[in-house]
């Protein structure tokens, strides 16, 4: 039985295996994430003990059929992200990075030897990965990166730094993008390589139940066999981001649903002026708006998921999905906090935690403004990113 906000009967559009996946991850979130996540958020710790469980349940690299992947549909992958973020953005971020930003590029751009070596452990959760693209001075403009890789005999010498990297300090492998004489290339760095360090970023007010790090490269020698052979140019890391943005579009719905459910339950039980506050018109208007926006977001996610399964989804469609659903989720979190009033800031309820997390989700994998301009470029054929440039990705 599907147990999510389902005003438009989305359940009827799901395949039997997708419902089974939903039920599995829904139970995992209720049993393994929900009871402990507020404590992890408050302490600023990541529940790393859940990683292997997620791998065994098929939540990592789930759309792959090879290398131990579950061979699930893109919609099933979306449902996994939805439910994990219903638990917390930190868990969804972990799975999103592992699946879309590490497993995907190794599978899509790697050699057979690289796939055989890295993918089985990443999919099973026995190895953790991170993705190094953003730099201290280059976020929305990754093409300006300063991290360099210079060929030297049978290896490459990497120098530079990456910033705001999810999983960085706990990662066994890092897919890192660097500028070379032949354009931007992708490299697989491994924990313990001399000159490679990943200090954790502290004092965060968002994504506190997630590991965020800096990656530092000081004359790191990377064997030529660790260079992704099929990735040369900025197009390839952007393809990875498109994969991740799809999952985020679904994930944000999970946070929105959790906030909505919490607000409805609270409004029915909170008594003011001798009646539940759910009786008041202003509260009902807020709840009606929340439900409407969640439903619209679900339909958008489902349709783009089906297009993705057919190989028809475009990067600008996924930009709309990410932009819209994250914005909607953040608005819903803020309205839910308002309904809960002072209780809305307490970790006894999930609302403020989701709201803080969504402030980061709104920014990473492309800010709201960047996705707006991606859509603007599609609509007009004119790029607002670089003067004189037109066309698509």
Protein backbone atom coordinates (compact mmCIF):
# COMPACT_ATOMS: atom_id res chain seq x y z
CA UNK A 1 0.00 0.00 0.00
CA UNK A 2 1.47 3.33 -1.07
CA UNK A 3 1.71 5.72 1.88
CA UNK A 4 2.67 9.09 0.41
CA UNK A 5 0.74 12.26 -0.37
CA UNK A 6 -1.25 11.16 -3.41
CA UNK A 7 -4.08 13.54 -4.24
CA UNK A 8 -3.95 12.79 -8.00
CA UNK A 9 -3.71 8.99 -7.57
CA UNK A 10 -0.13 8.78 -8.80
CA UNK A 11 -0.06 5.23 -7.43
CA UNK A 12 -2.17 4.08 -10.38
CA UNK A 13 0.61 5.19 -12.76
CA UNK A 14 3.32 3.19 -11.00
CA UNK A 15 4.37 -0.28 -12.10
CA UNK A 16 4.18 -3.18 -9.61
CA UNK A 17 7.98 -3.31 -9.18
CA UNK A 18 8.05 0.44 -8.54
CA UNK A 19 5.49 0.04 -5.76
CA UNK A 20 7.63 -2.71 -4.25
CA UNK A 21 10.70 -0.47 -4.35
CA UNK A 22 8.74 2.34 -2.74
CA UNK A 23 7.53 0.10 0.08
CA UNK A 24 11.06 -1.15 0.74
CA UNK A 25 12.66 2.28 0.97
CA UNK A 26 9.66 3.73 2.83
CA UNK A 27 10.05 1.10 5.56
CA UNK A 28 13.83 1.64 5.66
CA UNK A 29 13.34 5.37 6.18
CA UNK A 30 10.73 4.88 8.91
CA UNK A 31 12.70 2.19 10.74
CA UNK A 32 16.34 3.19 10.25
CA UNK A 33 16.49 6.92 9.49
CA UNK A 34 13.57 8.69 11.15
CA UNK A 35 14.25 7.57 14.74
CA UNK A 36 17.87 8.79 14.78
CA UNK A 37 18.23 11.55 12.21
CA UNK A 38 17.41 14.53 14.43
CA UNK A 39 20.25 13.49 16.75
CA UNK A 40 22.68 13.25 13.84
CA UNK A 41 21.57 16.66 12.56
CA UNK A 42 22.06 18.23 15.98
CA UNK A 43 25.46 16.58 16.47
CA UNK A 44 26.61 17.22 12.90
CA UNK A 45 27.28 13.54 12.20
CA UNK A 46 26.53 11.27 9.25
CA UNK A 47 24.97 7.81 9.94
CA UNK A 48 27.67 5.94 8.04
CA UNK A 49 26.48 2.64 9.48
CA UNK A 50 23.52 2.80 7.06
CA UNK A 51 25.66 2.81 3.90
CA UNK A 52 26.10 -0.95 3.54
CA UNK A 53 22.43 -1.50 4.32
CA UNK A 54 21.53 0.89 1.50
CA UNK A 55 23.82 -1.06 -0.82
CA UNK A 56 22.32 -4.42 0.13
CA UNK A 57 18.81 -3.08 -0.43
CA UNK A 58 19.73 -1.91 -3.95
CA UNK A 59 19.53 1.86 -3.35
CA UNK A 60 22.97 2.62 -4.86
CA UNK A 61 23.42 2.62 -8.65
CA UNK A 62 19.96 1.04 -8.84
CA UNK A 63 19.34 1.56 -12.57
CA UNK A 64 22.37 -0.53 -13.59
CA UNK A 65 21.82 -4.19 -14.38
CA UNK A 66 25.51 -5.09 -14.38
CA UNK A 67 28.04 -5.12 -11.54
CA UNK A 68 25.42 -6.04 -8.94
CA UNK A 69 22.97 -3.23 -9.74
CA UNK A 70 19.25 -3.80 -9.18
CA UNK A 71 18.25 -2.89 -12.75
CA UNK A 72 15.41 -0.60 -11.66
CA UNK A 73 13.50 1.98 -13.70
CA UNK A 74 14.29 5.68 -13.55
CA UNK A 75 10.96 6.26 -11.79
CA UNK A 76 11.91 3.69 -9.15
CA UNK A 77 15.20 5.55 -8.72
CA UNK A 78 13.18 8.74 -8.27
CA UNK A 79 11.06 7.11 -5.59
CA UNK A 80 14.21 6.03 -3.75
CA UNK A 81 15.38 9.64 -3.72
CA UNK A 82 11.95 10.88 -2.65
CA UNK A 83 11.84 8.59 0.36
CA UNK A 84 15.47 9.07 1.41
CA UNK A 85 14.94 12.83 1.45
CA UNK A 86 11.73 12.35 3.40
CA UNK A 87 14.16 11.01 5.98
CA UNK A 88 16.80 13.71 5.44
CA UNK A 89 18.58 15.50 2.61
CA UNK A 90 21.87 14.20 3.96
CA UNK A 91 20.97 10.58 3.19
CA UNK A 92 19.55 11.46 -0.21
CA UNK A 93 22.64 13.54 -0.98
CA UNK A 94 24.87 10.60 -0.10
CA UNK A 95 22.94 8.23 -2.38
CA UNK A 96 22.70 10.82 -5.15
CA UNK A 97 26.45 11.44 -5.18
CA UNK A 98 27.23 7.73 -5.00
CA UNK A 99 24.83 6.81 -7.80
CA UNK A 100 24.76 9.77 -10.19
CA UNK A 101 28.14 11.42 -9.69
CA UNK A 102 30.44 8.45 -9.05
CA UNK A 103 28.88 5.21 -10.28
CA UNK A 104 27.42 6.87 -13.38
CA UNK A 105 30.65 8.46 -14.73
CA UNK A 106 32.70 5.32 -14.04
CA UNK A 107 30.08 3.26 -15.88
CA UNK A 108 29.51 5.73 -18.74
CA UNK A 109 33.05 7.02 -19.30
CA UNK A 110 35.30 4.41 -17.71
CA UNK A 111 37.27 1.50 -19.12
CA UNK A 112 36.18 -2.10 -18.59
CA UNK A 113 39.02 -2.50 -16.10
CA UNK A 114 37.86 0.55 -14.13
CA UNK A 115 34.27 -0.70 -14.10
CA UNK A 116 35.28 -4.15 -12.90
CA UNK A 117 37.49 -2.70 -10.20
CA UNK A 118 35.32 0.05 -8.75
CA UNK A 119 31.63 -0.49 -9.52
CA UNK A 120 30.77 -3.65 -7.56
CA UNK A 121 32.02 -2.21 -4.25
CA UNK A 122 30.40 1.18 -4.88
CA UNK A 123 27.05 -0.43 -5.69
CA UNK A 124 27.18 -2.66 -2.60
CA UNK A 125 28.11 0.24 -0.34
CA UNK A 126 31.44 -1.37 0.52
CA UNK A 127 33.21 1.64 -0.98
CA UNK A 128 32.20 5.31 -0.79
CA UNK A 129 32.72 7.85 -3.56
CA UNK A 130 32.70 11.61 -4.02
CA UNK A 131 32.64 13.98 -7.01
CA UNK A 132 35.11 16.85 -7.34
CA UNK A 133 33.98 19.63 -9.68
CA UNK A 134 33.12 22.77 -7.67
CA UNK A 135 36.09 24.90 -6.63
CA UNK A 136 36.50 27.72 -4.08
CA UNK A 137 36.22 30.33 -6.86
CA UNK A 138 34.21 28.41 -9.47
CA UNK A 139 30.75 27.03 -8.75
CA UNK A 140 28.24 28.07 -11.40
CA UNK A 141 31.12 28.43 -13.89
CA UNK A 142 32.89 25.05 -13.70
CA UNK A 143 34.65 25.71 -17.00
CA UNK A 144 36.86 28.24 -15.22
CA UNK A 145 38.34 25.60 -12.91
CA UNK A 146 41.94 26.05 -11.79
CA UNK A 147 42.67 22.45 -10.84
CA UNK A 148 45.25 21.25 -13.38
CA UNK A 149 46.45 17.85 -14.50
CA UNK A 150 49.74 17.58 -16.38
CA UNK A 151 50.81 14.40 -18.17
CA UNK A 152 54.14 13.03 -16.99
CA UNK A 153 55.16 9.66 -18.37
CA UNK A 154 52.69 6.99 -17.29
CA UNK A 155 50.83 9.20 -14.85
CA UNK A 156 49.28 12.63 -14.33
CA UNK A 157 50.26 15.29 -11.78
CA UNK A 158 47.25 17.00 -10.20
CA UNK A 159 47.32 20.32 -8.38
CA UNK A 160 44.41 22.38 -7.12
CA UNK A 161 41.42 22.22 -4.78
CA UNK A 162 37.72 21.45 -4.79
CA UNK A 163 35.12 22.82 -2.36
CA UNK A 164 31.77 21.80 -0.87
CA UNK A 165 32.24 18.13 -1.74
CA UNK A 166 29.66 15.72 -0.30
CA UNK A 167 31.21 12.53 1.14
CA UNK A 168 34.73 13.89 0.60
CA UNK A 169 36.29 13.01 3.97
CA UNK A 170 34.80 9.50 4.08
CA UNK A 171 35.31 8.68 0.39
CA UNK A 172 37.47 5.79 -0.77
CA UNK A 173 37.44 7.08 -4.35
CA UNK A 174 36.94 10.53 -5.86
CA UNK A 175 35.90 11.31 -9.42
CA UNK A 176 37.82 14.56 -9.96
CA UNK A 177 37.68 16.89 -12.96
CA UNK A 178 40.77 18.86 -13.95
CA UNK A 179 41.92 21.07 -16.80
CA UNK A 180 44.53 19.55 -19.13
CA UNK A 181 46.17 20.59 -22.39
CA UNK A 182 43.47 18.58 -24.17
CA UNK A 183 40.54 20.02 -22.25
CA UNK A 184 38.78 19.00 -19.04
CA UNK A 185 39.37 15.36 -18.11
CA UNK A 186 38.02 13.07 -15.40
CA UNK A 187 40.25 11.13 -12.99
CA UNK A 188 39.62 8.50 -10.33
CA UNK A 189 41.61 9.36 -7.23
CA UNK A 190 41.95 6.88 -4.41
CA UNK A 191 42.19 7.45 -0.69
CA UNK A 192 45.79 7.39 0.48
CA UNK A 193 47.36 8.80 -2.67
CA UNK A 194 50.28 10.98 -1.61
CA UNK A 195 49.40 14.68 -1.71
CA UNK A 196 45.63 14.04 -1.68
CA UNK A 197 43.73 15.21 1.41
CA UNK A 198 40.07 15.86 2.22
CA UNK A 199 39.54 18.01 5.33
CA UNK A 200 35.94 18.13 6.53
CA UNK A 201 34.05 21.45 6.48
CA UNK A 202 32.57 22.24 9.89
CA UNK A 203 30.21 24.88 11.34
CA UNK A 204 27.43 24.21 8.81
CA UNK A 205 23.84 25.24 9.50
CA UNK A 206 22.53 23.05 6.67
CA UNK A 207 23.05 19.41 5.65
CA UNK A 208 24.42 18.76 9.11
CA UNK A 209 23.75 15.01 8.84
CA UNK A 210 26.04 14.88 5.80
CA UNK A 211 29.81 14.97 5.34
CA UNK A 212 30.95 18.02 3.37
CA UNK A 213 34.63 18.50 2.58
CA UNK A 214 37.35 20.26 0.71
CA UNK A 215 39.59 18.24 -1.62
CA UNK A 216 43.22 19.33 -1.85
CA UNK A 217 45.69 18.10 -4.49
CA UNK A 218 49.39 18.79 -4.03
CA UNK A 219 51.41 17.13 -6.79
CA UNK A 220 49.22 14.04 -6.67
CA UNK A 221 50.47 11.31 -9.01
CA UNK A 222 47.49 9.64 -10.67
CA UNK A 223 48.22 6.58 -12.85
CA UNK A 224 47.14 6.90 -16.46
CA UNK A 225 44.89 3.88 -15.90
CA UNK A 226 42.84 6.03 -13.48
CA UNK A 227 41.97 8.58 -16.17
CA UNK A 228 38.42 8.16 -17.52
CA UNK A 229 39.11 7.39 -21.20
CA UNK A 230 35.72 8.41 -22.62
CA UNK A 231 35.45 11.82 -20.94
CA UNK A 232 37.18 14.80 -22.56
CA UNK A 233 35.51 18.20 -22.23
CA UNK A 234 33.11 20.04 -19.93
CA UNK A 235 30.15 18.19 -21.44
CA UNK A 236 30.95 15.08 -19.42
CA UNK A 237 30.80 16.44 -15.86
CA UNK A 238 27.66 18.34 -16.91
CA UNK A 239 26.13 15.03 -17.99
CA UNK A 240 26.79 13.75 -14.48
CA UNK A 241 25.07 16.81 -13.00
CA UNK A 242 22.02 16.16 -15.17
CA UNK A 243 21.75 12.68 -13.65
CA UNK A 244 22.01 14.09 -10.13
CA UNK A 245 19.53 16.90 -10.77
CA UNK A 246 16.92 14.36 -11.80
CA UNK A 247 17.19 12.60 -8.45
CA UNK A 248 17.11 15.91 -6.58
CA UNK A 249 13.84 16.84 -8.31
CA UNK A 250 12.26 13.72 -6.82
CA UNK A 251 14.05 14.05 -3.50
CA UNK A 252 12.71 17.53 -2.80
CA UNK A 253 9.19 16.11 -2.97
CA UNK A 254 10.02 13.82 -0.06
CA UNK A 255 11.01 16.76 2.13
CA UNK A 256 7.89 18.65 1.03
CA UNK A 257 5.65 15.68 1.84
CA UNK A 258 7.15 15.26 5.29
CA UNK A 259 6.60 18.94 6.06
CA UNK A 260 3.05 18.83 4.72
CA UNK A 261 2.12 15.70 6.68
CA UNK A 262 3.59 17.22 9.83
CA UNK A 263 1.67 20.47 9.31
CA UNK A 264 -1.65 18.67 8.72
CA UNK A 265 -1.28 16.52 11.83
CA UNK A 266 -0.22 19.49 13.94
CA UNK A 267 -3.05 21.71 12.69
CA UNK A 268 -5.61 19.07 13.66
CA UNK A 269 -4.23 18.63 17.16
CA UNK A 270 -3.17 22.16 18.12
CA UNK A 271 -5.98 23.93 20.02
CA UNK A 272 -6.29 27.71 20.00
CA UNK A 273 -9.41 29.73 20.87
CA UNK A 274 -10.98 26.39 21.93
CA UNK A 275 -10.75 24.82 18.44
CA UNK A 276 -8.05 23.09 16.35
CA UNK A 277 -6.17 25.62 14.25
CA UNK A 278 -7.07 23.46 11.23
CA UNK A 279 -10.51 25.08 11.49
CA UNK A 280 -9.15 28.51 10.54
CA UNK A 281 -9.36 29.63 6.94
CA UNK A 282 -5.78 30.91 6.73
CA UNK A 283 -4.39 27.54 7.86
CA UNK A 284 -6.61 25.64 5.43
CA UNK A 285 -5.50 27.93 2.60
CA UNK A 286 -1.86 27.18 3.36
CA UNK A 287 -2.47 23.42 3.45
CA UNK A 288 -4.43 23.55 0.19
CA UNK A 289 -1.58 25.41 -1.51
CA UNK A 290 0.97 22.89 -0.20
CA UNK A 291 -1.02 19.92 -1.49
CA UNK A 292 -1.53 21.55 -4.89
CA UNK A 293 2.19 22.26 -5.37
CA UNK A 294 3.22 18.77 -4.25
CA UNK A 295 0.77 17.24 -6.71
CA UNK A 296 2.05 19.37 -9.60
CA UNK A 297 5.62 18.45 -8.68
CA UNK A 298 4.76 14.74 -8.62
CA UNK A 299 3.24 14.85 -12.09
CA UNK A 300 6.27 16.72 -13.44
CA UNK A 301 8.67 14.23 -11.86
CA UNK A 302 6.77 11.20 -13.09
CA UNK A 303 6.52 12.40 -16.69
CA UNK A 304 10.18 13.36 -16.91
CA UNK A 305 11.03 9.99 -15.35
CA UNK A 306 9.12 8.19 -18.08
CA UNK A 307 10.84 10.32 -20.73
CA UNK A 308 14.18 9.45 -19.16
CA UNK A 309 13.40 5.76 -19.39
CA UNK A 310 12.78 6.25 -23.12
CA UNK A 311 16.02 8.18 -23.53
CA UNK A 312 14.00 11.28 -24.40
CA UNK A 313 14.52 13.52 -21.35
CA UNK A 314 16.45 16.71 -22.12
CA UNK A 315 18.77 18.53 -19.73
CA UNK A 316 16.53 21.62 -19.76
CA UNK A 317 13.51 19.54 -18.76
CA UNK A 318 15.47 18.18 -15.83
CA UNK A 319 16.48 21.75 -14.96
CA UNK A 320 12.79 22.64 -14.71
CA UNK A 321 12.20 19.61 -12.48
CA UNK A 322 15.03 20.49 -10.12
CA UNK A 323 14.28 24.21 -10.07
CA UNK A 324 10.53 23.90 -9.55
CA UNK A 325 10.42 21.08 -7.03
CA UNK A 326 13.16 22.44 -4.78
CA UNK A 327 11.59 25.90 -4.76
CA UNK A 328 8.19 24.40 -3.99
CA UNK A 329 9.63 22.22 -1.22
CA UNK A 330 11.36 25.17 0.44
CA UNK A 331 8.18 27.26 0.28
CA UNK A 332 6.22 24.37 1.84
CA UNK A 333 8.79 23.95 4.60
CA UNK A 334 8.50 27.65 5.44
CA UNK A 335 4.70 27.55 5.48
CA UNK A 336 4.76 24.42 7.66
CA UNK A 337 7.10 26.15 10.08
CA UNK A 338 4.64 29.02 10.26
CA UNK A 339 1.76 26.64 11.06
CA UNK A 340 3.81 24.99 13.82
CA UNK A 341 4.78 28.45 15.14
CA UNK A 342 7.42 28.18 17.90
CA UNK A 343 7.36 24.38 17.72
CA UNK A 344 8.41 24.70 14.10
CA UNK A 345 12.01 25.41 15.11
CA UNK A 346 12.27 22.37 17.38
CA UNK A 347 14.08 19.21 16.29
CA UNK A 348 11.18 17.28 17.81
CA UNK A 349 9.57 18.03 14.45
CA UNK A 350 11.28 17.60 11.04
CA UNK A 351 10.20 20.90 9.51
CA UNK A 352 13.06 23.26 10.41
CA UNK A 353 15.63 20.54 9.64
CA UNK A 354 14.17 20.11 6.17
CA UNK A 355 14.01 23.87 5.68
CA UNK A 356 17.69 24.31 6.57
CA UNK A 357 18.69 21.44 4.29
CA UNK A 358 16.65 22.74 1.37
CA UNK A 359 18.51 26.05 1.52
CA UNK A 360 21.56 24.07 0.34
CA UNK A 361 19.63 21.86 -2.08
CA UNK A 362 18.35 25.04 -3.72
CA UNK A 363 21.95 26.06 -4.40
CA UNK A 364 23.85 22.89 -5.26
CA UNK A 365 23.79 21.09 -8.61
CA UNK A 366 22.94 24.45 -10.16
CA UNK A 367 21.33 27.39 -8.39
CA UNK A 368 17.73 28.42 -9.07
CA UNK A 369 19.06 31.27 -11.22
CA UNK A 370 21.26 28.95 -13.28
CA UNK A 371 18.36 26.61 -14.02
CA UNK A 372 16.16 29.57 -14.89
CA UNK A 373 18.76 30.67 -17.45
CA UNK A 374 19.10 27.14 -18.83
CA UNK A 375 15.37 27.27 -19.54
CA UNK A 376 15.73 30.78 -20.92
CA UNK A 377 18.43 29.58 -23.30
CA UNK A 378 16.16 26.77 -24.48
CA UNK A 379 13.24 29.15 -25.00
CA UNK A 380 15.16 31.86 -26.86
CA UNK A 381 18.15 30.05 -28.32
CA UNK A 382 20.34 32.72 -26.71
CA UNK A 383 22.74 31.98 -23.86
CA UNK A 384 22.84 34.44 -20.96
CA UNK A 385 25.94 32.71 -19.56
CA UNK A 386 28.49 33.77 -22.18
CA UNK A 387 28.21 36.77 -24.51
CA UNK A 388 27.83 35.74 -28.14
CA UNK A 389 27.03 32.11 -27.38
CA UNK A 390 23.81 30.47 -28.51
CA UNK A 391 22.40 26.98 -28.68
CA UNK A 392 22.09 24.13 -26.19
CA UNK A 393 24.31 21.80 -24.25
